[in-house]
């Protein structure tokens, strides 16, 4: 937090004071522009990418098909029972967040967080319409609502609303065929859930990006309060070289000015900060490590003929070395250390495991559920019959003939309900339920024993792939 009077108790919440960041140029600002363009491009364009999977499957490259309980990602198809792939990706995302925070502080928050990306876009629109910082400040402080102020505000809000509407619209396109849904939305034939989802996302994007902005990062997001556990003294984060900049003051040709530090107290670092903080007050929870203050300060240092880096990515462990006039250790020393390497190893291990599981998963799967009510039936000739519900999963984009068989005691026989023979035609990309009867002739060992082991098999006659499940045959137990 910023330095405050020790006599004043800290407030849990402070009323928002509008922040009007000044335009800045530099390497970090350019990096933020690139990331914003790439991430927004991916978000808005991805639902429109086509991917031919054959006549029985959707041709949308990325699709969360809730109706059929599947997730499509280009050539990858995830079924409900394979949710561990999604869980693995979430674990990788968490480990990646730990890794980047441990190495470079809140770089996720400063560059790629959706709240940051859309807020940057909204601020850009605001700057285009109302002008840079000073112009926006004058408009904000103008109490009289004249035609010009009303025109600028309405233009800005309408543009924000259109961006928010496109954001909500793009989201619903991930859950059904995008071109079809677009036509349904325009003609008023889409499902009410689609309109409701768009309305909620439009409203939240409009409010969060246009009005709440830094309040979301400070009060709604839990990460600022967790980040301290992820960072240590070797973490590189945006900081002010106080030992070089203090005492701050205007560098005039007068007595005593030679005793001043490099900071000329121009407030450039504060004016460009989207969180409205002063990085010179030290590390603060509100800082999202966007590094715009570095660009602003470097620009001022270049103009007054001072070395760049008064505000920079700095590790706390390098402070004593720099105060003593020694050269700080390289950034790679702080990035590649035991803690970050452990996070990297865990992240890679989960990723390799997911890729391995993806390539070894079978094309066909089966599950066997014995019918327990009753556990067995005695037929008129003394034959003992057990009943099983077998679910066959065909992951191919075409119908496939599956041949079923059993192994175990040679006396056991199999009969398929509604099927002449032992071959079942399973529809493409579907789970097919087949009732199977297993019979043991009267007097045979399985009929007289209490329990006998067996295994049900299924073979894809097209490619020869097989799957099997163990089960139990229940006899009279004599």
Protein backbone atom coordinates (compact mmCIF):
# COMPACT_ATOMS: atom_id res chain seq x y z
CA UNK A 1 0.00 0.00 0.00
CA UNK A 2 1.02 3.65 -0.36
CA UNK A 3 2.59 5.39 2.57
CA UNK A 4 -0.09 6.85 4.85
CA UNK A 5 -0.21 8.68 8.13
CA UNK A 6 0.34 6.21 10.95
CA UNK A 7 -2.47 7.90 12.88
CA UNK A 8 -5.02 7.15 10.15
CA UNK A 9 -6.45 3.61 10.22
CA UNK A 10 -6.39 1.92 6.80
CA UNK A 11 -9.68 1.70 4.95
CA UNK A 12 -10.98 -1.59 3.62
CA UNK A 13 -12.59 0.20 0.71
CA UNK A 14 -12.11 3.66 -0.78
CA UNK A 15 -14.52 5.40 -3.14
CA UNK A 16 -13.22 5.34 -6.69
CA UNK A 17 -11.48 8.39 -8.06
CA UNK A 18 -11.45 8.31 -11.88
CA UNK A 19 -8.01 7.69 -13.35
CA UNK A 20 -7.01 9.14 -16.71
CA UNK A 21 -3.75 7.48 -17.81
CA UNK A 22 -1.56 9.54 -20.11
CA UNK A 23 -0.49 8.17 -23.46
CA UNK A 24 3.01 6.69 -23.40
CA UNK A 25 5.27 5.03 -25.95
CA UNK A 26 8.08 2.59 -25.44
CA UNK A 27 9.05 -1.08 -25.61
CA UNK A 28 6.70 -2.23 -22.85
CA UNK A 29 3.77 -0.26 -24.26
CA UNK A 30 4.45 -1.79 -27.68
CA UNK A 31 4.56 -5.25 -26.11
CA UNK A 32 1.18 -4.59 -24.52
CA UNK A 33 -0.25 -3.50 -27.88
CA UNK A 34 1.00 -6.70 -29.52
CA UNK A 35 -0.42 -8.92 -26.77
CA UNK A 36 -3.73 -7.07 -26.86
CA UNK A 37 -4.05 -7.47 -30.64
CA UNK A 38 -3.08 -11.16 -30.55
CA UNK A 39 -5.32 -12.13 -27.63
CA UNK A 40 -8.35 -10.20 -28.86
CA UNK A 41 -7.79 -11.58 -32.36
CA UNK A 42 -7.72 -15.14 -31.04
CA UNK A 43 -10.84 -14.57 -28.95
CA UNK A 44 -12.95 -12.99 -31.71
CA UNK A 45 -11.73 -15.04 -34.70
CA UNK A 46 -11.40 -18.57 -33.28
CA UNK A 47 -15.14 -19.50 -33.41
CA UNK A 48 -15.16 -18.79 -37.16
CA UNK A 49 -12.31 -21.16 -38.02
CA UNK A 50 -13.64 -24.20 -39.90
CA UNK A 51 -12.35 -27.77 -39.50
CA UNK A 52 -13.69 -30.64 -41.64
CA UNK A 53 -14.48 -33.65 -39.46
CA UNK A 54 -16.81 -35.43 -41.86
CA UNK A 55 -20.60 -35.38 -42.31
CA UNK A 56 -21.48 -36.64 -38.82
CA UNK A 57 -19.51 -34.05 -36.82
CA UNK A 58 -19.50 -30.23 -36.54
CA UNK A 59 -17.00 -28.41 -38.75
CA UNK A 60 -16.11 -25.72 -36.19
CA UNK A 61 -12.45 -25.92 -35.16
CA UNK A 62 -13.05 -25.04 -31.49
CA UNK A 63 -16.44 -25.98 -30.08
CA UNK A 64 -17.81 -26.79 -26.62
CA UNK A 65 -20.73 -28.98 -27.68
CA UNK A 66 -22.84 -29.07 -24.53
CA UNK A 67 -25.77 -30.74 -26.29
CA UNK A 68 -23.67 -33.81 -27.13
CA UNK A 69 -21.30 -33.38 -24.16
CA UNK A 70 -18.09 -33.09 -26.14
CA UNK A 71 -15.26 -30.61 -26.65
CA UNK A 72 -13.67 -30.20 -30.06
CA UNK A 73 -10.28 -28.55 -30.53
CA UNK A 74 -9.12 -28.86 -34.14
CA UNK A 75 -8.25 -32.58 -34.52
CA UNK A 76 -8.76 -33.37 -30.81
CA UNK A 77 -12.10 -34.60 -29.50
CA UNK A 78 -12.68 -34.81 -25.74
CA UNK A 79 -15.53 -36.93 -24.38
CA UNK A 80 -17.22 -36.48 -20.96
CA UNK A 81 -15.33 -39.37 -19.36
CA UNK A 82 -12.06 -37.76 -20.51
CA UNK A 83 -12.52 -34.66 -18.38
CA UNK A 84 -9.10 -35.32 -16.89
CA UNK A 85 -7.69 -33.59 -19.99
CA UNK A 86 -9.52 -30.39 -19.03
CA UNK A 87 -8.43 -30.81 -15.41
CA UNK A 88 -4.83 -31.24 -16.60
CA UNK A 89 -5.01 -28.04 -18.65
CA UNK A 90 -6.34 -26.15 -15.62
CA UNK A 91 -3.46 -27.51 -13.53
CA UNK A 92 -1.00 -26.38 -16.22
CA UNK A 93 -2.59 -22.92 -16.23
CA UNK A 94 -2.21 -22.68 -12.45
CA UNK A 95 1.41 -23.84 -12.52
CA UNK A 96 2.12 -21.41 -15.36
CA UNK A 97 0.69 -18.57 -13.30
CA UNK A 98 2.86 -19.60 -10.34
CA UNK A 99 5.92 -19.81 -12.62
CA UNK A 100 5.52 -16.38 -14.22
CA UNK A 101 4.65 -14.71 -10.92
CA UNK A 102 7.67 -16.26 -9.21
CA UNK A 103 9.97 -15.11 -12.02
CA UNK A 104 8.53 -11.76 -13.10
CA UNK A 105 5.84 -10.73 -10.64
CA UNK A 106 2.33 -9.98 -11.88
CA UNK A 107 3.13 -10.07 -15.60
CA UNK A 108 -0.10 -11.98 -16.24
CA UNK A 109 -2.07 -9.14 -14.66
CA UNK A 110 -0.13 -6.48 -16.52
CA UNK A 111 -0.23 -7.97 -20.00
CA UNK A 112 -2.64 -10.87 -20.62
CA UNK A 113 -5.42 -10.78 -18.01
CA UNK A 114 -8.79 -10.23 -19.76
CA UNK A 115 -9.57 -7.36 -17.38
CA UNK A 116 -6.32 -5.64 -18.38
CA UNK A 117 -6.74 -6.33 -22.11
CA UNK A 118 -10.30 -5.01 -22.35
CA UNK A 119 -9.52 -2.06 -20.06
CA UNK A 120 -6.62 -1.14 -22.36
CA UNK A 121 -8.99 -1.29 -25.32
CA UNK A 122 -11.60 0.86 -23.57
CA UNK A 123 -8.96 3.44 -22.55
CA UNK A 124 -7.74 3.52 -26.16
CA UNK A 125 -11.28 4.27 -27.35
CA UNK A 126 -11.64 6.92 -24.64
CA UNK A 127 -8.40 8.58 -25.74
CA UNK A 128 -9.42 8.55 -29.42
CA UNK A 129 -12.75 10.22 -28.67
CA UNK A 130 -12.03 12.56 -25.74
CA UNK A 131 -8.32 13.22 -26.14
CA UNK A 132 -5.27 12.49 -23.98
CA UNK A 133 -5.04 12.86 -20.19
CA UNK A 134 -5.33 16.65 -19.92
CA UNK A 135 -8.29 16.84 -22.28
CA UNK A 136 -10.10 14.06 -20.42
CA UNK A 137 -9.39 15.73 -17.08
CA UNK A 138 -10.83 19.01 -18.30
CA UNK A 139 -13.93 17.23 -19.59
CA UNK A 140 -14.33 15.37 -16.30
CA UNK A 141 -14.02 18.55 -14.24
CA UNK A 142 -16.45 20.45 -16.45
CA UNK A 143 -19.62 20.65 -14.39
CA UNK A 144 -21.84 22.03 -17.14
CA UNK A 145 -23.26 19.38 -19.48
CA UNK A 146 -23.12 21.12 -22.86
CA UNK A 147 -23.61 19.61 -26.31
CA UNK A 148 -19.92 18.81 -26.80
CA UNK A 149 -19.58 16.93 -23.53
CA UNK A 150 -22.81 15.02 -24.14
CA UNK A 151 -21.72 14.14 -27.70
CA UNK A 152 -18.31 12.88 -26.59
CA UNK A 153 -19.72 10.83 -23.70
CA UNK A 154 -22.50 9.26 -25.79
CA UNK A 155 -20.04 8.43 -28.59
CA UNK A 156 -17.66 6.82 -26.11
CA UNK A 157 -20.36 4.81 -24.35
CA UNK A 158 -21.89 3.60 -27.62
CA UNK A 159 -18.46 2.44 -28.81
CA UNK A 160 -17.86 0.69 -25.47
CA UNK A 161 -21.26 -0.98 -25.75
CA UNK A 162 -20.52 -2.27 -29.25
CA UNK A 163 -17.20 -3.73 -28.07
CA UNK A 164 -18.95 -5.31 -25.08
CA UNK A 165 -21.69 -6.70 -27.34
CA UNK A 166 -19.09 -8.23 -29.65
CA UNK A 167 -17.40 -9.73 -26.59
CA UNK A 168 -20.59 -11.39 -25.36
CA UNK A 169 -21.48 -12.49 -28.87
CA UNK A 170 -18.09 -14.08 -29.46
CA UNK A 171 -18.41 -16.08 -26.24
CA UNK A 172 -21.71 -17.77 -27.18
CA UNK A 173 -20.25 -18.70 -30.58
CA UNK A 174 -17.91 -21.13 -28.82
CA UNK A 175 -20.89 -23.29 -27.77
CA UNK A 176 -22.69 -23.84 -31.08
CA UNK A 177 -22.07 -23.43 -34.80
CA UNK A 178 -21.09 -19.76 -35.16
CA UNK A 179 -22.55 -18.93 -38.63
CA UNK A 180 -25.86 -20.63 -37.79
CA UNK A 181 -26.12 -18.94 -34.40
CA UNK A 182 -25.33 -15.52 -35.90
CA UNK A 183 -28.26 -15.84 -38.30
CA UNK A 184 -30.52 -17.01 -35.46
CA UNK A 185 -29.44 -14.10 -33.26
CA UNK A 186 -30.10 -11.52 -35.96
CA UNK A 187 -33.48 -13.01 -36.92
CA UNK A 188 -34.57 -13.45 -33.29
CA UNK A 189 -34.74 -17.24 -33.48
CA UNK A 190 -31.87 -18.08 -31.10
CA UNK A 191 -32.50 -19.79 -27.78
CA UNK A 192 -33.23 -17.42 -24.86
CA UNK A 193 -30.11 -18.74 -23.10
CA UNK A 194 -27.97 -17.27 -25.90
CA UNK A 195 -29.55 -13.83 -25.53
CA UNK A 196 -29.31 -13.98 -21.74
CA UNK A 197 -25.63 -14.95 -21.84
CA UNK A 198 -24.86 -12.17 -24.30
CA UNK A 199 -26.73 -9.65 -22.15
CA UNK A 200 -24.84 -10.63 -18.98
CA UNK A 201 -21.42 -10.61 -20.67
CA UNK A 202 -22.15 -7.34 -22.48
CA UNK A 203 -23.17 -5.65 -19.22
CA UNK A 204 -20.18 -6.95 -17.24
CA UNK A 205 -17.67 -6.08 -19.98
CA UNK A 206 -19.14 -2.59 -20.35
CA UNK A 207 -19.05 -1.96 -16.59
CA UNK A 208 -15.74 -3.66 -15.74
CA UNK A 209 -13.77 -2.18 -18.65
CA UNK A 210 -15.41 1.24 -18.71
CA UNK A 211 -16.14 2.17 -15.11
CA UNK A 212 -14.77 -0.35 -12.56
CA UNK A 213 -11.33 -0.85 -14.16
CA UNK A 214 -8.69 -0.80 -11.40
CA UNK A 215 -11.37 -1.49 -8.76
CA UNK A 216 -11.73 -5.02 -10.13
CA UNK A 217 -8.00 -5.62 -9.74
CA UNK A 218 -7.87 -4.15 -6.23
CA UNK A 219 -11.07 -5.44 -4.64
CA UNK A 220 -12.60 -8.21 -6.77
CA UNK A 221 -9.53 -10.18 -7.87
CA UNK A 222 -7.95 -12.45 -5.23
CA UNK A 223 -4.57 -12.66 -6.96
CA UNK A 224 -3.05 -9.45 -5.46
CA UNK A 225 -3.46 -11.03 -2.03
CA UNK A 226 -2.00 -14.37 -3.13
CA UNK A 227 0.96 -13.09 -5.13
CA UNK A 228 3.11 -12.50 -2.03
CA UNK A 229 3.31 -16.26 -1.50
CA UNK A 230 4.57 -16.70 -5.08
CA UNK A 231 7.24 -13.99 -4.97
CA UNK A 232 10.55 -13.84 -3.13
CA UNK A 233 13.61 -11.59 -2.98
CA UNK A 234 14.86 -12.90 -6.35
CA UNK A 235 11.64 -12.12 -8.22
CA UNK A 236 12.07 -9.47 -10.89
CA UNK A 237 9.37 -6.84 -10.52
CA UNK A 238 8.84 -3.18 -11.40
CA UNK A 239 10.50 -0.97 -8.79
CA UNK A 240 12.03 2.47 -8.27
CA UNK A 241 15.76 2.84 -7.63
CA UNK A 242 15.29 5.10 -4.64
CA UNK A 243 19.01 5.17 -3.86
CA UNK A 244 19.64 6.74 -7.24
CA UNK A 245 16.57 8.97 -7.54
CA UNK A 246 16.44 10.59 -4.08
CA UNK A 247 16.33 13.32 -3.03
CA UNK A 248 14.04 14.20 -5.89
CA UNK A 249 13.56 17.72 -7.22
CA UNK A 250 13.79 19.99 -10.24
CA UNK A 251 17.25 20.13 -11.73
CA UNK A 252 17.85 23.86 -12.05
CA UNK A 253 21.11 25.71 -12.35
CA UNK A 254 21.11 26.86 -8.76
CA UNK A 255 23.01 26.20 -5.60
CA UNK A 256 22.26 22.80 -4.12
CA UNK A 257 20.79 21.25 -7.25
CA UNK A 258 23.91 19.09 -7.62
CA UNK A 259 22.87 17.27 -4.42
CA UNK A 260 19.61 16.08 -5.95
CA UNK A 261 19.01 12.58 -7.25
CA UNK A 262 18.04 11.69 -10.80
CA UNK A 263 14.29 11.92 -10.15
CA UNK A 264 13.00 15.36 -11.17
CA UNK A 265 9.55 14.71 -9.66
CA UNK A 266 7.86 15.16 -13.03
CA UNK A 267 5.03 12.73 -12.11
CA UNK A 268 5.30 11.04 -15.52
CA UNK A 269 5.33 7.59 -13.90
CA UNK A 270 2.16 8.40 -11.95
CA UNK A 271 0.34 9.98 -14.90
CA UNK A 272 0.70 6.88 -17.10
CA UNK A 273 -0.19 4.33 -14.42
CA UNK A 274 -3.58 2.66 -15.10
CA UNK A 275 -3.87 1.92 -11.37
CA UNK A 276 -3.18 5.52 -10.36
CA UNK A 277 -0.36 4.67 -7.93
CA UNK A 278 3.10 6.14 -7.39
CA UNK A 279 5.71 3.41 -7.87
CA UNK A 280 8.18 5.59 -5.95
CA UNK A 281 6.29 4.76 -2.76
CA UNK A 282 7.59 1.19 -2.96
CA UNK A 283 5.95 -2.16 -3.69
CA UNK A 284 2.16 -1.92 -3.55
CA UNK A 285 -0.63 -4.43 -3.84
CA UNK A 286 -2.29 -2.37 -6.57
CA UNK A 287 0.69 -2.59 -8.95
CA UNK A 288 -0.04 -4.94 -11.87
CA UNK A 289 3.54 -4.81 -13.23
CA UNK A 290 2.47 -3.37 -16.58
CA UNK A 291 5.81 -1.47 -16.77
CA UNK A 292 4.30 1.62 -18.41
CA UNK A 293 6.01 3.68 -15.72
CA UNK A 294 9.33 2.32 -16.99
CA UNK A 295 8.62 3.61 -20.49
CA UNK A 296 7.56 7.01 -19.14
CA UNK A 297 10.57 7.38 -16.86
CA UNK A 298 13.06 6.20 -19.48
CA UNK A 299 11.70 8.81 -21.87
CA UNK A 300 12.22 11.58 -19.28
CA UNK A 301 15.71 10.34 -18.38
CA UNK A 302 16.69 10.41 -22.05
CA UNK A 303 15.44 14.00 -22.37
CA UNK A 304 17.41 15.28 -19.35
CA UNK A 305 20.54 13.33 -20.22
CA UNK A 306 20.38 10.80 -17.35
CA UNK A 307 20.85 7.01 -17.59
CA UNK A 308 17.72 4.97 -18.16
CA UNK A 309 16.51 2.48 -15.59
CA UNK A 310 15.55 4.75 -12.69
CA UNK A 311 12.37 2.67 -12.71
CA UNK A 312 13.05 -0.84 -13.93
CA UNK A 313 12.54 -4.56 -13.41
CA UNK A 314 14.57 -5.11 -10.25
CA UNK A 315 15.11 -7.97 -7.79
CA UNK A 316 15.14 -7.12 -4.10
CA UNK A 317 18.26 -9.23 -3.60
CA UNK A 318 20.20 -6.92 -5.96
CA UNK A 319 19.49 -3.77 -3.95
CA UNK A 320 22.55 -4.04 -1.62
CA UNK A 321 24.83 -4.64 -4.62
CA UNK A 322 23.49 -1.62 -6.48
CA UNK A 323 23.67 0.63 -3.43
CA UNK A 324 27.32 -0.35 -3.12
CA UNK A 325 27.92 0.59 -6.75
CA UNK A 326 28.29 -3.00 -7.97
CA UNK A 327 26.75 -4.41 -11.14
CA UNK A 328 23.48 -6.28 -10.53
CA UNK A 329 23.21 -9.90 -11.51
CA UNK A 330 21.69 -10.71 -14.91
CA UNK A 331 17.97 -11.20 -15.36
CA UNK A 332 18.58 -14.83 -16.35
CA UNK A 333 20.10 -15.48 -12.92
CA UNK A 334 16.81 -14.48 -11.29
CA UNK A 335 14.61 -16.27 -13.81
CA UNK A 336 16.42 -19.61 -13.86
CA UNK A 337 16.66 -20.54 -10.20
CA UNK A 338 15.55 -23.56 -8.18
CA UNK A 339 12.02 -22.35 -7.53
CA UNK A 340 11.20 -21.45 -11.11
CA UNK A 341 12.88 -24.59 -12.44
CA UNK A 342 10.70 -26.70 -10.15
CA UNK A 343 7.56 -24.98 -11.43
CA UNK A 344 8.81 -25.48 -15.00
CA UNK A 345 9.50 -29.18 -14.39
CA UNK A 346 6.05 -29.74 -12.88
CA UNK A 347 4.40 -27.79 -15.71
CA UNK A 348 6.26 -29.81 -18.34
CA UNK A 349 5.53 -33.09 -16.56
CA UNK A 350 1.78 -32.45 -16.61
CA UNK A 351 1.97 -31.38 -20.27
CA UNK A 352 3.92 -34.46 -21.35
CA UNK A 353 1.50 -36.66 -19.40
CA UNK A 354 -1.49 -35.11 -21.19
CA UNK A 355 0.12 -35.53 -24.62
CA UNK A 356 1.01 -39.14 -23.83
CA UNK A 357 -2.54 -39.88 -22.62
CA UNK A 358 -3.93 -38.22 -25.74
CA UNK A 359 -1.98 -40.44 -28.10
CA UNK A 360 -2.53 -43.74 -26.29
CA UNK A 361 -6.28 -43.39 -25.70
CA UNK A 362 -8.28 -46.11 -27.51
CA UNK A 363 -10.60 -45.51 -30.46
CA UNK A 364 -13.27 -47.72 -28.91
CA UNK A 365 -14.30 -48.08 -25.30
CA UNK A 366 -16.78 -50.16 -23.38
CA UNK A 367 -18.33 -50.34 -19.93
CA UNK A 368 -20.14 -53.32 -18.39
CA UNK A 369 -22.88 -53.03 -15.77
CA UNK A 370 -24.33 -56.35 -14.47
CA UNK A 371 -28.07 -56.25 -13.86
CA UNK A 372 -28.46 -57.12 -10.14
CA UNK A 373 -32.24 -57.37 -9.87
CA UNK A 374 -32.31 -60.32 -10.04
CA UNK A 375 -28.68 -61.45 -9.97
CA UNK A 376 -29.54 -64.48 -12.13
CA UNK A 377 -32.54 -66.17 -13.73
CA UNK A 378 -33.15 -69.95 -13.95
CA UNK A 379 -34.71 -70.91 -17.29
CA UNK A 380 -37.14 -73.82 -17.82
CA UNK A 381 -34.36 -76.21 -18.83
CA UNK A 382 -32.25 -75.33 -15.77
CA UNK A 383 -29.93 -72.94 -17.61
CA UNK A 384 -28.63 -70.05 -15.46
CA UNK A 385 -28.77 -66.65 -17.18
CA UNK A 386 -27.05 -63.41 -16.15
CA UNK A 387 -27.87 -60.05 -17.74
CA UNK A 388 -25.39 -57.24 -18.50
CA UNK A 389 -25.82 -53.74 -19.91
CA UNK A 390 -22.82 -53.03 -22.13
CA UNK A 391 -22.15 -49.51 -23.41
CA UNK A 392 -20.04 -49.35 -26.57
CA UNK A 393 -18.39 -46.05 -27.51
CA UNK A 394 -17.51 -45.47 -31.17
CA UNK A 395 -15.20 -42.43 -31.45
CA UNK A 396 -14.97 -42.58 -35.23
CA UNK A 397 -16.85 -40.33 -37.64
CA UNK A 398 -18.53 -43.31 -39.33
CA UNK A 399 -20.64 -46.30 -38.27
CA UNK A 400 -18.52 -49.27 -37.27
CA UNK A 401 -19.31 -53.02 -36.88
CA UNK A 402 -18.26 -54.23 -33.43
CA UNK A 403 -17.96 -57.95 -32.76
CA UNK A 404 -18.66 -59.05 -29.17
CA UNK A 405 -17.39 -62.17 -27.43
CA UNK A 406 -16.68 -63.56 -23.95
CA UNK A 407 -13.81 -65.49 -22.40
CA UNK A 408 -13.72 -67.38 -19.13
CA UNK A 409 -15.20 -70.82 -18.48
CA UNK A 410 -15.75 -72.72 -21.76
CA UNK A 411 -19.31 -73.61 -20.72
CA UNK A 412 -20.44 -69.98 -20.79
CA UNK A 413 -22.38 -68.80 -23.84
CA UNK A 414 -23.39 -65.30 -24.97
CA UNK A 415 -26.59 -64.00 -26.55
CA UNK A 416 -27.19 -60.41 -27.72
CA UNK A 417 -30.66 -58.95 -27.33
CA UNK A 418 -32.17 -57.88 -30.65
CA UNK A 419 -29.11 -58.94 -32.66
CA UNK A 420 -28.79 -61.94 -34.95
CA UNK A 421 -25.28 -63.17 -34.25
CA UNK A 422 -22.52 -61.38 -32.33
CA UNK A 423 -21.88 -58.26 -34.45
CA UNK A 424 -23.34 -54.90 -33.39
CA UNK A 425 -23.44 -51.86 -35.70
CA UNK A 426 -22.49 -48.86 -33.53
CA UNK A 427 -23.39 -45.40 -34.93
CA UNK A 428 -20.65 -42.82 -35.51
CA UNK A 429 -19.56 -40.72 -32.53
CA UNK A 430 -22.11 -42.23 -30.23
CA UNK A 431 -22.45 -44.43 -27.19
CA UNK A 432 -24.56 -47.51 -27.93
CA UNK A 433 -26.30 -49.53 -25.21
CA UNK A 434 -26.45 -53.27 -25.86
CA UNK A 435 -28.07 -55.79 -23.49
CA UNK A 436 -26.06 -59.01 -23.28
CA UNK A 437 -27.18 -62.35 -21.84
CA UNK A 438 -24.59 -64.86 -20.59
CA UNK A 439 -25.84 -68.39 -20.08
CA UNK A 440 -24.46 -71.44 -18.22
CA UNK A 441 -26.06 -74.86 -18.99
CA UNK A 442 -27.62 -76.75 -16.07
CA UNK A 443 -25.08 -78.78 -14.15
CA UNK A 444 -22.05 -76.85 -15.48
CA UNK A 445 -19.48 -75.46 -13.10
CA UNK A 446 -20.51 -71.78 -13.58
CA UNK A 447 -24.17 -72.70 -12.97
CA UNK A 448 -23.41 -74.54 -9.75
CA UNK A 449 -20.71 -72.18 -8.43
CA UNK A 450 -21.56 -69.00 -6.54
CA UNK A 451 -19.40 -66.76 -8.69
CA UNK A 452 -17.27 -67.23 -11.81
CA UNK A 453 -14.99 -64.75 -13.52
CA UNK A 454 -15.48 -63.75 -17.14
CA UNK A 455 -14.32 -61.08 -19.56
CA UNK A 456 -16.41 -59.42 -22.25
CA UNK A 457 -14.62 -58.36 -25.43
CA UNK A 458 -15.43 -56.04 -28.31
CA UNK A 459 -13.46 -55.79 -31.56
CA UNK A 460 -13.73 -53.13 -34.24
CA UNK A 461 -13.93 -55.24 -37.42
CA UNK A 462 -12.78 -52.28 -39.52
CA UNK A 463 -9.33 -51.83 -37.99
CA UNK A 464 -9.00 -54.71 -35.51
CA UNK A 465 -8.81 -52.57 -32.38
CA UNK A 466 -10.10 -54.29 -29.25
CA UNK A 467 -11.35 -53.43 -25.77
CA UNK A 468 -12.43 -55.59 -22.85
CA UNK A 469 -13.87 -55.49 -19.33
CA UNK A 470 -13.86 -58.03 -16.51
CA UNK A 471 -17.07 -59.06 -14.77
CA UNK A 472 -18.64 -61.80 -12.64
CA UNK A 473 -21.12 -64.54 -13.49
CA UNK A 474 -23.47 -65.40 -10.64
CA UNK A 475 -24.55 -69.04 -10.25
CA UNK A 476 -26.78 -70.94 -7.81
CA UNK A 477 -23.92 -71.44 -5.35
CA UNK A 478 -24.72 -75.12 -4.64
